[in-house]
Amino acid sequence: MAVSLSIHQQIGQIGLRITPAQFELRRTPSDIEIRQRKPSTELTYRQADLTIDYTEMRDSIDLSSDPGALSQKKADEAKQIFDSDLARTVQAGDALARLPDKVTISRMAAQAKYFDNVRGIMTDIVLGYIAPPRFRYEPGEINREYTPGEITTEATLGQTEISDFQPWSVKTYIERQPFVDIQTKGWAFDFKI
């Protein structure tokens, strides 16, 4: 009798269940804010001032600062001048009527005197001092106010946040059991391992 031996083998198989890491990534971008204030210039101008004071000049030529008193004075002087001019005209007419033939007009003019109507006397013509007007000048002025420009920045750094993190995982399991099957036939005892 013949003995037969059969061997049947199954190789085991391992299964891997790989779960990759999982996470939620939130990213806030960086931000920069730039503010600019422009430069400015402000100009203020004070005008020049010229003052002319005629007070001393008017006083030196006998012009009063009081308009009412001056008007009255000039009216009185005009009346006196008119009266004296009328008297002189009459005298000159009488003198011309008595002129001898040899007296000339130029000789009469050389002998003429100026009649001061204010004082009522004849006087020689004299040049007098007239006080000059007083000038006061304040130059104009330009003031400049300058404010320089300015640049300011405000930066917010970006952020990266990781949330709901689940790490990698590898799980192994036996997908197929290994075994060796040895069978004998033809022996007094059949066995199977």
Protein backbone atom coordinates (compact mmCIF):
# COMPACT_ATOMS: atom_id res chain seq x y z
CA MET A 1 0.00 0.00 0.00
CA ALA A 2 1.22 3.21 -0.92
CA VAL A 3 1.50 6.10 1.49
CA SER A 4 0.73 9.55 0.13
CA LEU A 5 1.67 12.76 1.74
CA SER A 6 0.03 16.02 0.70
CA ILE A 7 1.18 19.36 1.97
CA HIS A 8 -0.90 22.37 1.40
CA GLN A 9 0.41 25.70 2.65
CA GLN A 10 -1.26 29.10 2.91
CA ILE A 11 0.89 32.12 3.46
CA GLY A 12 -0.44 34.58 5.93
CA GLN A 13 -1.36 38.02 4.76
CA ILE A 14 -1.15 41.13 6.88
CA GLY A 15 -3.33 44.09 6.09
CA LEU A 16 -2.40 47.69 6.87
CA ARG A 17 -4.94 50.38 7.43
CA ILE A 18 -3.08 53.72 7.11
CA THR A 19 -4.88 56.88 8.06
CA PRO A 20 -2.95 60.01 7.09
CA ALA A 21 -2.69 62.88 9.50
CA GLN A 22 -5.58 65.26 9.31
CA PHE A 23 -5.72 68.86 10.37
CA GLU A 24 -7.36 72.09 9.47
CA LEU A 25 -4.99 74.86 8.49
CA ARG A 26 -6.20 78.44 8.80
CA ARG A 27 -3.99 81.17 7.47
CA THR A 28 -4.49 84.90 7.96
CA PRO A 29 -2.42 86.90 5.46
CA SER A 30 -0.16 89.71 6.61
CA ASP A 31 -1.55 93.21 6.31
CA ILE A 32 0.17 96.57 6.20
CA GLU A 33 -1.57 99.92 6.36
CA ILE A 34 0.31 103.00 5.21
CA ARG A 35 -0.96 106.46 6.14
CA GLN A 36 0.50 109.55 4.58
CA ARG A 37 0.09 113.13 5.77
CA LYS A 38 1.07 115.56 3.07
CA PRO A 39 3.44 118.40 3.88
CA SER A 40 1.86 121.84 4.07
CA THR A 41 3.10 125.41 3.93
CA GLU A 42 1.08 128.34 5.20
CA LEU A 43 2.14 131.87 4.30
CA THR A 44 0.86 134.89 6.19
CA TYR A 45 1.60 138.37 4.90
CA ARG A 46 1.55 141.62 6.81
CA GLN A 47 1.43 144.60 4.45
CA ALA A 48 3.98 147.36 4.61
CA ASP A 49 2.80 150.51 6.38
CA LEU A 50 3.80 154.00 5.26
CA THR A 51 2.66 156.92 7.42
CA ILE A 52 3.27 160.53 6.38
CA ASP A 53 2.82 163.11 9.16
CA TYR A 54 2.32 166.67 7.86
CA THR A 55 1.66 168.25 11.28
CA GLU A 56 5.01 170.03 11.64
CA MET A 57 5.03 171.07 7.99
CA ARG A 58 1.56 172.61 8.24
CA ASP A 59 2.51 174.40 11.44
CA SER A 60 5.67 175.81 9.81
CA ILE A 61 3.63 177.39 6.99
CA ASP A 62 1.01 178.59 9.46
CA LEU A 63 -1.69 176.07 8.59
CA SER A 64 -3.55 175.00 11.66
CA SER A 65 -4.51 171.41 12.35
CA ASP A 66 -8.00 172.60 13.38
CA PRO A 67 -10.09 173.02 10.17
CA GLY A 68 -12.65 175.40 11.78
CA ALA A 69 -10.00 177.76 13.20
CA LEU A 70 -8.06 177.63 9.94
CA SER A 71 -11.15 178.54 7.91
CA GLN A 72 -11.91 181.52 10.12
CA LYS A 73 -8.27 182.66 10.02
CA LYS A 74 -8.10 182.39 6.24
CA ALA A 75 -11.39 184.28 5.87
CA ASP A 76 -10.04 187.12 8.04
CA GLU A 77 -6.75 187.14 6.09
CA ALA A 78 -8.62 187.21 2.76
CA LYS A 79 -10.63 190.25 3.88
CA GLN A 80 -7.46 192.06 4.99
CA ILE A 81 -5.69 191.17 1.74
CA PHE A 82 -8.63 192.41 -0.30
CA ASP A 83 -8.73 195.69 1.60
CA SER A 84 -4.95 196.24 1.38
CA ASP A 85 -4.84 195.18 -2.31
CA LEU A 86 -7.60 197.65 -3.07
CA ALA A 87 -5.68 200.40 -1.26
CA ARG A 88 -2.45 199.46 -3.09
CA THR A 89 -4.21 199.43 -6.43
CA VAL A 90 -5.52 202.91 -5.75
CA GLN A 91 -2.04 204.06 -4.66
CA ALA A 92 -0.42 202.46 -7.72
CA GLY A 93 -2.96 204.17 -9.96
CA ASP A 94 -2.25 207.50 -8.31
CA ALA A 95 1.51 206.89 -8.67
CA LEU A 96 1.13 206.05 -12.35
CA ALA A 97 -0.88 209.21 -12.88
CA ARG A 98 1.97 211.29 -11.35
CA LEU A 99 4.77 209.51 -13.20
CA PRO A 100 7.35 211.68 -14.77
CA ASP A 101 8.38 210.67 -18.22
CA LYS A 102 11.73 209.15 -17.15
CA VAL A 103 10.46 206.55 -14.61
CA THR A 104 10.15 203.03 -16.08
CA ILE A 105 8.08 200.07 -15.04
CA SER A 106 11.22 198.03 -14.26
CA ARG A 107 12.41 200.73 -11.83
CA MET A 108 9.04 200.66 -10.13
CA ALA A 109 9.19 196.85 -9.82
CA ALA A 110 12.68 197.03 -8.29
CA GLN A 111 11.42 199.42 -5.63
CA ALA A 112 8.40 197.26 -4.85
CA LYS A 113 8.04 195.63 -1.50
CA TYR A 114 5.91 192.72 -0.39
CA PHE A 115 2.96 193.74 1.72
CA ASP A 116 2.49 191.37 4.66
CA ASN A 117 -1.29 191.35 5.00
CA VAL A 118 -1.19 189.43 8.29
CA ARG A 119 0.96 192.01 10.07
CA GLY A 120 -0.17 194.89 7.88
CA ILE A 121 3.35 196.03 7.04
CA MET A 122 5.55 196.19 3.97
CA THR A 123 8.44 193.76 4.07
CA ASP A 124 11.08 192.35 1.81
CA ILE A 125 10.39 188.93 0.34
CA VAL A 126 12.30 186.37 2.43
CA LEU A 127 12.58 182.66 1.93
CA GLY A 128 11.70 180.75 5.11
CA TYR A 129 12.12 177.23 6.45
CA ILE A 130 9.35 174.76 5.91
CA ALA A 131 9.54 171.69 8.09
CA PRO A 132 9.52 168.54 6.02
CA PRO A 133 6.84 165.92 6.53
CA ARG A 134 7.78 163.00 8.74
CA PHE A 135 7.81 159.59 7.14
CA ARG A 136 7.45 156.38 9.10
CA TYR A 137 7.79 153.13 7.23
CA GLU A 138 7.29 149.64 8.58
CA PRO A 139 8.23 147.01 6.03
CA GLY A 140 5.86 144.18 5.24
CA GLU A 141 6.57 140.75 6.56
CA ILE A 142 6.01 137.27 5.23
CA ASN A 143 5.77 134.48 7.76
CA ARG A 144 5.99 130.89 6.66
CA GLU A 145 4.81 127.96 8.69
CA TYR A 146 5.89 124.60 7.36
CA THR A 147 4.57 121.27 8.53
CA PRO A 148 6.58 118.37 7.13
CA GLY A 149 4.83 115.34 5.70
CA GLU A 150 4.73 112.10 7.60
CA ILE A 151 4.33 108.46 6.71
CA THR A 152 3.13 106.02 9.35
CA THR A 153 2.77 102.31 8.93
CA GLU A 154 0.87 99.75 10.89
CA ALA A 155 1.62 96.12 10.17
CA THR A 156 -0.34 93.06 11.22
CA LEU A 157 1.67 89.89 10.88
CA GLY A 158 0.03 86.94 9.22
CA GLN A 159 -0.88 83.94 11.37
CA THR A 160 -1.11 80.24 10.70
CA GLU A 161 -3.30 78.13 12.97
CA ILE A 162 -3.58 74.37 12.99
CA SER A 163 -6.74 72.93 14.51
CA ASP A 164 -8.48 69.57 14.72
CA PHE A 165 -5.21 67.70 14.41
CA GLN A 166 -5.43 63.92 14.10
CA PRO A 167 -2.07 62.18 13.91
CA TRP A 168 -1.12 59.48 11.44
CA SER A 169 -2.25 56.04 12.34
CA VAL A 170 -1.26 52.64 11.05
CA LYS A 171 -3.35 49.64 12.06
CA THR A 172 -2.33 46.16 11.18
CA TYR A 173 -4.60 43.21 10.98
CA ILE A 174 -4.32 39.67 9.74
CA GLU A 175 -6.16 39.46 6.55
CA ARG A 176 -5.44 35.77 5.98
CA GLN A 177 -4.23 33.30 8.55
CA PRO A 178 -1.11 31.34 7.63
CA PHE A 179 -1.22 27.61 7.86
CA VAL A 180 0.41 24.42 6.65
CA ASP A 181 -1.85 21.43 5.93
CA ILE A 182 -0.05 18.10 5.88
CA GLN A 183 -2.19 15.06 5.16
CA THR A 184 -1.19 11.45 4.99
CA LYS A 185 -3.08 8.65 3.37
CA GLY A 186 -2.35 5.05 3.38
CA TRP A 187 -1.05 4.79 6.90
CA ALA A 188 -2.69 2.95 9.59
CA PHE A 189 -3.49 6.27 11.16
CA ASP A 190 -4.39 9.10 8.91
CA PHE A 191 -3.59 12.46 10.41
CA LYS A 192 -3.81 16.00 9.44
CA ILE A 193 -1.66 18.72 10.87
